[in-house]
Amino acid sequence: MRGSIAQVSGDGSGCILAEDGNEVYFERSGIGGNGVIGGNGVDDLRVSHWVEFELQYGSEQLRAVGIKRLRRDVERRHEAPQPHG
C-alpha cells in the first residue's frame, strides 16, 4: 500500500494516511532500511512524506510494517530549499 505520513511522535511511532483514506499506526520497528530512509529511520520521516508499506495484523489493530519512503520525496529533498514563512 501507499500513503503519506500523517503524524510522527518522539518515540518513533506514528500514523500513515493510506490512499484508501484509512489511518494506519506504525512503530519505529516497522521502518525498513532501504537506504532511502536515513540510518536511524524516523529522523528522515516527516509529515506529508509519501511512503510504501505492508499491512500486518497486530494483537489490537492493523499496523504498517516495511515502511519505505517513495523516491519522489527523496528527489524533492535534493531540490533547492523553499523559503520559510
Protein backbone atom coordinates (compact mmCIF):
# COMPACT_ATOMS: atom_id res chain seq x y z
CA MET A 1 0.00 0.00 0.00
CA ARG A 2 0.92 3.64 -0.24
CA GLY A 3 0.14 6.71 1.78
CA SER A 4 1.54 9.79 3.43
CA ILE A 5 2.92 10.26 6.92
CA ALA A 6 0.21 11.96 8.99
CA GLN A 7 1.99 12.03 12.37
CA VAL A 8 5.37 11.14 13.87
CA SER A 9 5.94 11.15 17.63
CA GLY A 10 9.19 11.45 19.54
CA ASP A 11 9.32 7.73 20.29
CA GLY A 12 9.29 6.81 16.60
CA SER A 13 5.68 5.72 16.30
CA GLY A 14 3.11 7.48 14.17
CA CYS A 15 0.29 7.25 11.66
CA ILE A 16 0.11 6.94 7.91
CA LEU A 17 -2.90 8.16 5.96
CA ALA A 18 -3.30 5.40 3.39
CA GLU A 19 -4.53 6.05 -0.15
CA ASP A 20 -7.82 4.38 0.77
CA GLY A 21 -8.45 7.04 3.44
CA ASN A 22 -7.73 4.87 6.48
CA GLU A 23 -5.15 5.77 9.10
CA VAL A 24 -2.62 3.04 9.89
CA TYR A 25 -0.42 3.03 13.00
CA PHE A 26 3.31 2.30 12.78
CA GLU A 27 6.12 1.72 15.25
CA ARG A 28 9.80 2.52 14.83
CA SER A 29 10.48 -1.19 14.24
CA GLY A 30 8.23 -1.09 11.15
CA ILE A 31 10.53 1.24 9.23
CA GLY A 32 12.51 -0.55 6.54
CA GLY A 33 16.20 0.03 5.95
CA ASN A 34 16.29 0.51 2.19
CA GLY A 35 18.89 3.26 2.04
CA VAL A 36 16.22 5.82 1.25
CA ILE A 37 15.40 6.43 4.90
CA GLY A 38 18.38 7.62 6.93
CA GLY A 39 20.43 5.47 9.25
CA ASN A 40 18.11 5.90 12.20
CA GLY A 41 14.95 5.88 10.10
CA VAL A 42 12.45 8.02 11.91
CA ASP A 43 14.53 11.21 11.77
CA ASP A 44 14.05 11.29 7.99
CA LEU A 45 10.29 10.64 8.14
CA ARG A 46 8.26 13.82 8.25
CA VAL A 47 4.58 14.63 7.98
CA SER A 48 3.45 14.57 4.32
CA HIS A 49 6.26 12.25 3.11
CA TRP A 50 4.92 9.59 0.75
CA VAL A 51 5.69 6.02 1.75
CA GLU A 52 5.03 2.47 0.70
CA PHE A 53 4.23 -0.15 3.34
CA GLU A 54 2.68 -3.52 4.08
CA LEU A 55 -0.15 -4.17 6.50
CA GLN A 56 0.29 -6.57 9.37
CA TYR A 57 -2.39 -7.70 11.77
CA GLY A 58 -1.29 -6.95 15.32
CA SER A 59 -2.94 -8.05 18.52
CA GLU A 60 -5.02 -4.87 18.75
CA GLN A 61 -5.08 -3.27 15.30
CA LEU A 62 -3.64 -3.22 11.81
CA ARG A 63 -0.21 -1.67 11.61
CA ALA A 64 2.21 -0.65 8.90
CA VAL A 65 5.48 -2.55 8.51
CA GLY A 66 8.27 -2.48 5.93
CA ILE A 67 7.80 1.27 5.53
CA LYS A 68 9.87 2.75 2.71
CA ARG A 69 9.93 6.35 1.62
CA LEU A 70 8.97 6.73 -2.02
CA ARG A 71 11.52 8.02 -4.49
CA ARG A 72 9.68 11.22 -5.37
CA ASP A 73 10.15 12.56 -1.84
CA VAL A 74 13.85 11.77 -1.87
CA GLU A 75 14.27 13.65 -5.15
CA ARG A 76 12.45 16.68 -3.70
CA ARG A 77 14.87 16.72 -0.78
CA HIS A 78 17.72 17.44 -3.23
CA GLU A 79 15.94 20.37 -4.88
CA ALA A 80 16.58 23.96 -3.84
CA PRO A 81 15.19 24.69 -0.39
CA GLN A 82 11.87 26.55 -0.27
CA PRO A 83 11.71 29.81 1.68
CA HIS A 84 10.05 29.55 5.10
CA GLY A 85 7.30 31.90 6.17
